[in-house]
PDB file of all heavy atoms in Angstrom:
ATOM      1  N   THR A   1     101.046  93.258  94.467  1.00  0.00           N
ATOM      2  CA  THR A   1     101.173  94.048  95.688  1.00  0.00           C
ATOM      3  C   THR A   1     101.978  93.217  96.681  1.00  0.00           C
ATOM      4  O   THR A   1     101.758  92.015  96.824  1.00  0.00           O
ATOM      5  CB  THR A   1      99.811  94.411  96.296  1.00  0.00           C
ATOM      6  OG1 THR A   1      99.074  93.208  96.562  1.00  0.00           O
ATOM      7  CG2 THR A   1      99.020  95.293  95.345  1.00  0.00           C
ATOM      8  N   VAL A   2     102.924  93.867  97.334  1.00  0.00           N
ATOM      9  CA  VAL A   2     103.835  93.168  98.234  1.00  0.00           C
ATOM     10  C   VAL A   2     104.008  94.012  99.493  1.00  0.00           C
ATOM     11  O   VAL A   2     104.114  95.245  99.418  1.00  0.00           O
ATOM     12  CB  VAL A   2     105.222  92.957  97.584  1.00  0.00           C
ATOM     13  CG1 VAL A   2     106.083  92.027  98.442  1.00  0.00           C
ATOM     14  CG2 VAL A   2     105.086  92.416  96.163  1.00  0.00           C
ATOM     15  N   ARG A   3     104.044  93.345 100.635  1.00  0.00           N
ATOM     16  CA  ARG A   3     104.384  94.015 101.892  1.00  0.00           C
ATOM     17  C   ARG A   3     105.644  93.367 102.449  1.00  0.00           C
ATOM     18  O   ARG A   3     105.726  92.145 102.548  1.00  0.00           O
ATOM     19  CB  ARG A   3     103.243  93.911 102.906  1.00  0.00           C
ATOM     20  CG  ARG A   3     103.501  94.734 104.179  1.00  0.00           C
ATOM     21  CD  ARG A   3     102.309  94.738 105.120  1.00  0.00           C
ATOM     22  NE  ARG A   3     102.099  93.439 105.735  1.00  0.00           N
ATOM     23  CZ  ARG A   3     101.035  92.667 105.525  1.00  0.00           C
ATOM     24  NH1 ARG A   3     100.086  93.065 104.701  1.00  0.00           N
ATOM     25  NH2 ARG A   3     100.911  91.493 106.128  1.00  0.00           N
ATOM     26  N   ILE A   4     106.623  94.210 102.781  1.00  0.00           N
ATOM     27  CA  ILE A   4     107.918  93.731 103.260  1.00  0.00           C
ATOM     28  C   ILE A   4     108.178  94.329 104.635  1.00  0.00           C
ATOM     29  O   ILE A   4     108.092  95.546 104.817  1.00  0.00           O
ATOM     30  CB  ILE A   4     109.045  94.122 102.284  1.00  0.00           C
ATOM     31  CG1 ILE A   4     108.755  93.551 100.889  1.00  0.00           C
ATOM     32  CG2 ILE A   4     110.402  93.645 102.789  1.00  0.00           C
ATOM     33  CD1 ILE A   4     109.680  94.066  99.814  1.00  0.00           C
ATOM     34  N   GLY A   5     108.497  93.467 105.606  1.00  0.00           N
ATOM     35  CA  GLY A   5     108.731  93.928 106.968  1.00  0.00           C
ATOM     36  C   GLY A   5     110.049  94.660 107.122  1.00  0.00           C
ATOM     37  O   GLY A   5     110.903  94.653 106.223  1.00  0.00           O
ATOM     38  N   VAL A   6     110.237  95.271 108.273  1.00  0.00           N
ATOM     39  CA  VAL A   6     111.472  96.005 108.531  1.00  0.00           C
ATOM     40  C   VAL A   6     112.678  95.074 108.557  1.00  0.00           C
ATOM     41  O   VAL A   6     113.827  95.528 108.422  1.00  0.00           O
ATOM     42  CB  VAL A   6     111.371  96.799 109.848  1.00  0.00           C
ATOM     43  CG1 VAL A   6     110.318  97.888 109.737  1.00  0.00           C
ATOM     44  CG2 VAL A   6     111.066  95.870 111.021  1.00  0.00           C
ATOM     45  N   ASP A   7     112.438  93.782 108.706  1.00  0.00           N
ATOM     46  CA  ASP A   7     113.522  92.805 108.685  1.00  0.00           C
ATOM     47  C   ASP A   7     113.842  92.317 107.277  1.00  0.00           C
ATOM     48  O   ASP A   7     114.679  91.428 107.080  1.00  0.00           O
ATOM     49  CB  ASP A   7     113.190  91.611 109.580  1.00  0.00           C
ATOM     50  CG  ASP A   7     111.881  90.922 109.181  1.00  0.00           C
ATOM     51  OD1 ASP A   7     111.194  91.414 108.253  1.00  0.00           O
ATOM     52  OD2 ASP A   7     111.536  89.905 109.816  1.00  0.00           O
ATOM     53  N   GLY A   8     113.171  92.889 106.260  1.00  0.00           N
ATOM     54  CA  GLY A   8     113.434  92.513 104.877  1.00  0.00           C
ATOM     55  C   GLY A   8     112.758  91.236 104.434  1.00  0.00           C
ATOM     56  O   GLY A   8     113.075  90.702 103.365  1.00  0.00           O
ATOM     57  N   VAL A   9     111.796  90.733 105.206  1.00  0.00           N
ATOM     58  CA  VAL A   9     111.088  89.503 104.869  1.00  0.00           C
ATOM     59  C   VAL A   9     109.730  89.835 104.249  1.00  0.00           C
ATOM     60  O   VAL A   9     109.024  90.743 104.714  1.00  0.00           O
ATOM     61  CB  VAL A   9     110.905  88.623 106.121  1.00  0.00           C
ATOM     62  CG1 VAL A   9     109.986  87.437 105.837  1.00  0.00           C
ATOM     63  CG2 VAL A   9     112.264  88.126 106.612  1.00  0.00           C
ATOM     64  N   VAL A  10     109.377  89.104 103.208  1.00  0.00           N
ATOM     65  CA  VAL A  10     108.084  89.305 102.547  1.00  0.00           C
ATOM     66  C   VAL A  10     106.974  88.837 103.472  1.00  0.00           C
ATOM     67  O   VAL A  10     106.892  87.656 103.816  1.00  0.00           O
ATOM     68  CB  VAL A  10     108.036  88.547 101.214  1.00  0.00           C
ATOM     69  CG1 VAL A  10     106.642  88.666 100.580  1.00  0.00           C
ATOM     70  CG2 VAL A  10     109.099  89.072 100.255  1.00  0.00           C
ATOM     71  N   GLU A  11     106.105  89.746 103.869  1.00  0.00           N
ATOM     72  CA  GLU A  11     105.000  89.407 104.765  1.00  0.00           C
ATOM     73  C   GLU A  11     103.747  88.994 103.999  1.00  0.00           C
ATOM     74  O   GLU A  11     102.981  88.145 104.465  1.00  0.00           O
ATOM     75  CB  GLU A  11     104.689  90.596 105.666  1.00  0.00           C
ATOM     76  CG  GLU A  11     105.836  90.967 106.601  1.00  0.00           C
ATOM     77  CD  GLU A  11     105.501  92.175 107.459  1.00  0.00           C
ATOM     78  OE1 GLU A  11     104.539  92.902 107.139  1.00  0.00           O
ATOM     79  OE2 GLU A  11     106.218  92.404 108.459  1.00  0.00           O
ATOM     80  N   ALA A  12     103.529  89.600 102.836  1.00  0.00           N
ATOM     81  CA  ALA A  12     102.347  89.281 102.034  1.00  0.00           C
ATOM     82  C   ALA A  12     102.642  89.617 100.584  1.00  0.00           C
ATOM     83  O   ALA A  12     103.356  90.578 100.294  1.00  0.00           O
ATOM     84  CB  ALA A  12     101.127  90.061 102.528  1.00  0.00           C
ATOM     85  N   LEU A  13     102.075  88.801  99.681  1.00  0.00           N
ATOM     86  CA  LEU A  13     102.301  89.014  98.256  1.00  0.00           C
ATOM     87  C   LEU A  13     101.070  88.529  97.509  1.00  0.00           C
ATOM     88  O   LEU A  13     100.628  87.403  97.706  1.00  0.00           O
ATOM     89  CB  LEU A  13     103.552  88.258  97.802  1.00  0.00           C
ATOM     90  CG  LEU A  13     104.153  88.603  96.439  1.00  0.00           C
ATOM     91  CD1 LEU A  13     105.616  88.182  96.388  1.00  0.00           C
ATOM     92  CD2 LEU A  13     103.391  87.920  95.309  1.00  0.00           C
ATOM     93  N   ALA A  14     100.541  89.369  96.657  1.00  0.00           N
ATOM     94  CA  ALA A  14      99.367  89.006  95.867  1.00  0.00           C
ATOM     95  C   ALA A  14      99.633  89.324  94.406  1.00  0.00           C
ATOM     96  O   ALA A  14     100.167  90.387  94.077  1.00  0.00           O
ATOM     97  CB  ALA A  14      98.130  89.765  96.354  1.00  0.00           C
ATOM     98  N   GLY A  15      99.262  88.395  93.522  1.00  0.00           N
ATOM     99  CA  GLY A  15      99.467  88.586  92.100  1.00  0.00           C
ATOM    100  C   GLY A  15      98.267  88.136  91.306  1.00  0.00           C
ATOM    101  O   GLY A  15      97.162  87.986  91.852  1.00  0.00           O
ATOM    102  N   PRO A  16      98.457  87.865  90.015  1.00  0.00           N
ATOM    103  CA  PRO A  16      97.327  87.495  89.162  1.00  0.00           C
ATOM    104  C   PRO A  16      96.723  86.151  89.556  1.00  0.00           C
ATOM    105  O   PRO A  16      97.404  85.285  90.108  1.00  0.00           O
ATOM    106  CB  PRO A  16      97.961  87.401  87.766  1.00  0.00           C
ATOM    107  CG  PRO A  16      99.252  88.118  87.870  1.00  0.00           C
ATOM    108  CD  PRO A  16      99.709  87.969  89.267  1.00  0.00           C
ATOM    109  N   GLU A  17      95.470  85.985  89.246  1.00  0.00           N
ATOM    110  CA  GLU A  17      94.792  84.720  89.498  1.00  0.00           C
ATOM    111  C   GLU A  17      95.454  83.617  88.676  1.00  0.00           C
ATOM    112  O   GLU A  17      95.811  83.813  87.507  1.00  0.00           O
ATOM    113  CB  GLU A  17      93.321  84.840  89.113  1.00  0.00           C
ATOM    114  CG  GLU A  17      92.505  83.594  89.401  1.00  0.00           C
ATOM    115  CD  GLU A  17      91.036  83.774  89.059  1.00  0.00           C
ATOM    116  OE1 GLU A  17      90.643  84.902  88.705  1.00  0.00           O
ATOM    117  OE2 GLU A  17      90.305  82.779  89.134  1.00  0.00           O
ATOM    118  N   GLY A  18      95.663  82.477  89.300  1.00  0.00           N
ATOM    119  CA  GLY A  18      96.261  81.354  88.607  1.00  0.00           C
ATOM    120  C   GLY A  18      97.757  81.229  88.783  1.00  0.00           C
ATOM    121  O   GLY A  18      98.356  80.255  88.333  1.00  0.00           O
ATOM    122  N   VAL A  19      98.379  82.224  89.422  1.00  0.00           N
ATOM    123  CA  VAL A  19      99.811  82.163  89.705  1.00  0.00           C
ATOM    124  C   VAL A  19      99.971  82.123  91.219  1.00  0.00           C
ATOM    125  O   VAL A  19      99.699  83.101  91.909  1.00  0.00           O
ATOM    126  CB  VAL A  19     100.554  83.378  89.107  1.00  0.00           C
ATOM    127  CG1 VAL A  19     102.050  83.266  89.390  1.00  0.00           C
ATOM    128  CG2 VAL A  19     100.315  83.456  87.607  1.00  0.00           C
ATOM    129  N   ASP A  20     100.354  80.976  91.747  1.00  0.00           N
ATOM    130  CA  ASP A  20     100.441  80.773  93.191  1.00  0.00           C
ATOM    131  C   ASP A  20     101.760  81.335  93.715  1.00  0.00           C
ATOM    132  O   ASP A  20     102.831  80.777  93.448  1.00  0.00           O
ATOM    133  CB  ASP A  20     100.338  79.283  93.508  1.00  0.00           C
ATOM    134  CG  ASP A  20     100.323  79.007  95.013  1.00  0.00           C
ATOM    135  OD1 ASP A  20     100.352  79.979  95.791  1.00  0.00           O
ATOM    136  OD2 ASP A  20     100.272  77.825  95.395  1.00  0.00           O
ATOM    137  N   LEU A  21     101.680  82.420  94.468  1.00  0.00           N
ATOM    138  CA  LEU A  21     102.874  83.081  94.984  1.00  0.00           C
ATOM    139  C   LEU A  21     102.994  82.947  96.498  1.00  0.00           C
ATOM    140  O   LEU A  21     103.862  83.574  97.103  1.00  0.00           O
ATOM    141  CB  LEU A  21     102.845  84.570  94.602  1.00  0.00           C
ATOM    142  CG  LEU A  21     102.752  84.871  93.105  1.00  0.00           C
ATOM    143  CD1 LEU A  21     102.665  86.380  92.876  1.00  0.00           C
ATOM    144  CD2 LEU A  21     103.934  84.283  92.352  1.00  0.00           C
ATOM    145  N   THR A  22     102.146  82.124  97.097  1.00  0.00           N
ATOM    146  CA  THR A  22     102.156  82.023  98.557  1.00  0.00           C
ATOM    147  C   THR A  22     103.482  81.475  99.081  1.00  0.00           C
ATOM    148  O   THR A  22     103.881  81.767 100.211  1.00  0.00           O
ATOM    149  CB  THR A  22     101.004  81.135  99.047  1.00  0.00           C
ATOM    150  OG1 THR A  22     101.096  79.841  98.402  1.00  0.00           O
ATOM    151  CG2 THR A  22      99.661  81.765  98.708  1.00  0.00           C
ATOM    152  N   GLY A  23     104.190  80.693  98.253  1.00  0.00           N
ATOM    153  CA  GLY A  23     105.465  80.150  98.689  1.00  0.00           C
ATOM    154  C   GLY A  23     106.547  81.197  98.873  1.00  0.00           C
ATOM    155  O   GLY A  23     107.589  80.914  99.476  1.00  0.00           O
ATOM    156  N   LEU A  24     106.302  82.408  98.370  1.00  0.00           N
ATOM    157  CA  LEU A  24     107.278  83.486  98.527  1.00  0.00           C
ATOM    158  C   LEU A  24     107.081  84.261  99.819  1.00  0.00           C
ATOM    159  O   LEU A  24     107.959  85.029 100.216  1.00  0.00           O
ATOM    160  CB  LEU A  24     107.193  84.447  97.335  1.00  0.00           C
ATOM    161  CG  LEU A  24     107.553  83.845  95.970  1.00  0.00           C
ATOM    162  CD1 LEU A  24     107.317  84.855  94.861  1.00  0.00           C
ATOM    163  CD2 LEU A  24     108.996  83.369  95.956  1.00  0.00           C
ATOM    164  N   GLU A  25     105.949  84.076 100.460  1.00  0.00           N
ATOM    165  CA  GLU A  25     105.721  84.750 101.732  1.00  0.00           C
ATOM    166  C   GLU A  25     106.617  84.134 102.802  1.00  0.00           C
ATOM    167  O   GLU A  25     106.759  82.919 102.902  1.00  0.00           O
ATOM    168  CB  GLU A  25     104.249  84.662 102.119  1.00  0.00           C
ATOM    169  CG  GLU A  25     103.345  85.420 101.158  1.00  0.00           C
ATOM    170  CD  GLU A  25     101.877  85.308 101.521  1.00  0.00           C
ATOM    171  OE1 GLU A  25     101.556  84.571 102.481  1.00  0.00           O
ATOM    172  OE2 GLU A  25     101.044  85.941 100.833  1.00  0.00           O
ATOM    173  N   GLY A  26     107.262  84.973 103.565  1.00  0.00           N
ATOM    174  CA  GLY A  26     108.223  84.513 104.550  1.00  0.00           C
ATOM    175  C   GLY A  26     109.645  84.443 104.027  1.00  0.00           C
ATOM    176  O   GLY A  26     110.577  84.133 104.783  1.00  0.00           O
ATOM    177  N   ALA A  27     109.837  84.729 102.736  1.00  0.00           N
ATOM    178  CA  ALA A  27     111.171  84.680 102.139  1.00  0.00           C
ATOM    179  C   ALA A  27     111.850  86.041 102.268  1.00  0.00           C
ATOM    180  O   ALA A  27     111.201  87.087 102.137  1.00  0.00           O
ATOM    181  CB  ALA A  27     111.081  84.295 100.668  1.00  0.00           C
ATOM    182  N   PRO A  28     113.155  86.073 102.504  1.00  0.00           N
ATOM    183  CA  PRO A  28     113.874  87.348 102.507  1.00  0.00           C
ATOM    184  C   PRO A  28     113.949  87.915 101.100  1.00  0.00           C
ATOM    185  O   PRO A  28     114.177  87.174 100.138  1.00  0.00           O
ATOM    186  CB  PRO A  28     115.259  86.981 103.044  1.00  0.00           C
ATOM    187  CG  PRO A  28     115.412  85.526 102.743  1.00  0.00           C
ATOM    188  CD  PRO A  28     114.031  84.935 102.816  1.00  0.00           C
ATOM    189  N   ILE A  29     113.764  89.221 100.974  1.00  0.00           N
ATOM    190  CA  ILE A  29     113.776  89.839  99.651  1.00  0.00           C
ATOM    191  C   ILE A  29     115.193  89.966  99.109  1.00  0.00           C
ATOM    192  O   ILE A  29     115.402  90.048  97.901  1.00  0.00           O
ATOM    193  CB  ILE A  29     113.088  91.228  99.698  1.00  0.00           C
ATOM    194  CG1 ILE A  29     112.798  91.744  98.287  1.00  0.00           C
ATOM    195  CG2 ILE A  29     113.923  92.228 100.474  1.00  0.00           C
ATOM    196  CD1 ILE A  29     111.791  90.935  97.529  1.00  0.00           C
ATOM    197  N   ALA A  30     116.201  89.933  99.997  1.00  0.00           N
ATOM    198  CA  ALA A  30     117.564  90.230  99.568  1.00  0.00           C
ATOM    199  C   ALA A  30     118.395  89.009  99.236  1.00  0.00           C
ATOM    200  O   ALA A  30     119.496  89.143  98.711  1.00  0.00           O
ATOM    201  CB  ALA A  30     118.279  91.045 100.652  1.00  0.00           C
ATOM    202  N   SER A  31     117.925  87.821  99.523  1.00  0.00           N
ATOM    203  CA  SER A  31     118.767  86.635  99.334  1.00  0.00           C
ATOM    204  C   SER A  31     117.933  85.477  98.796  1.00  0.00           C
ATOM    205  O   SER A  31     117.045  84.977  99.483  1.00  0.00           O
ATOM    206  CB  SER A  31     119.423  86.225 100.661  1.00  0.00           C
ATOM    207  OG  SER A  31     120.169  85.043 100.517  1.00  0.00           O
ATOM    208  N   GLY A  32     118.218  85.076  97.564  1.00  0.00           N
ATOM    209  CA  GLY A  32     117.572  83.918  96.982  1.00  0.00           C
ATOM    210  C   GLY A  32     116.158  84.146  96.492  1.00  0.00           C
ATOM    211  O   GLY A  32     115.493  83.196  96.060  1.00  0.00           O
TER     212      GLY A  32
END
């Protein structure tokens, strides 16, 4: 589950247990 702001930045991201995705929060979805 992912929430993306109107500015195209990832606001929240949750995935399976054991896979740390917190480093993707705050990242732009369109670049890198």
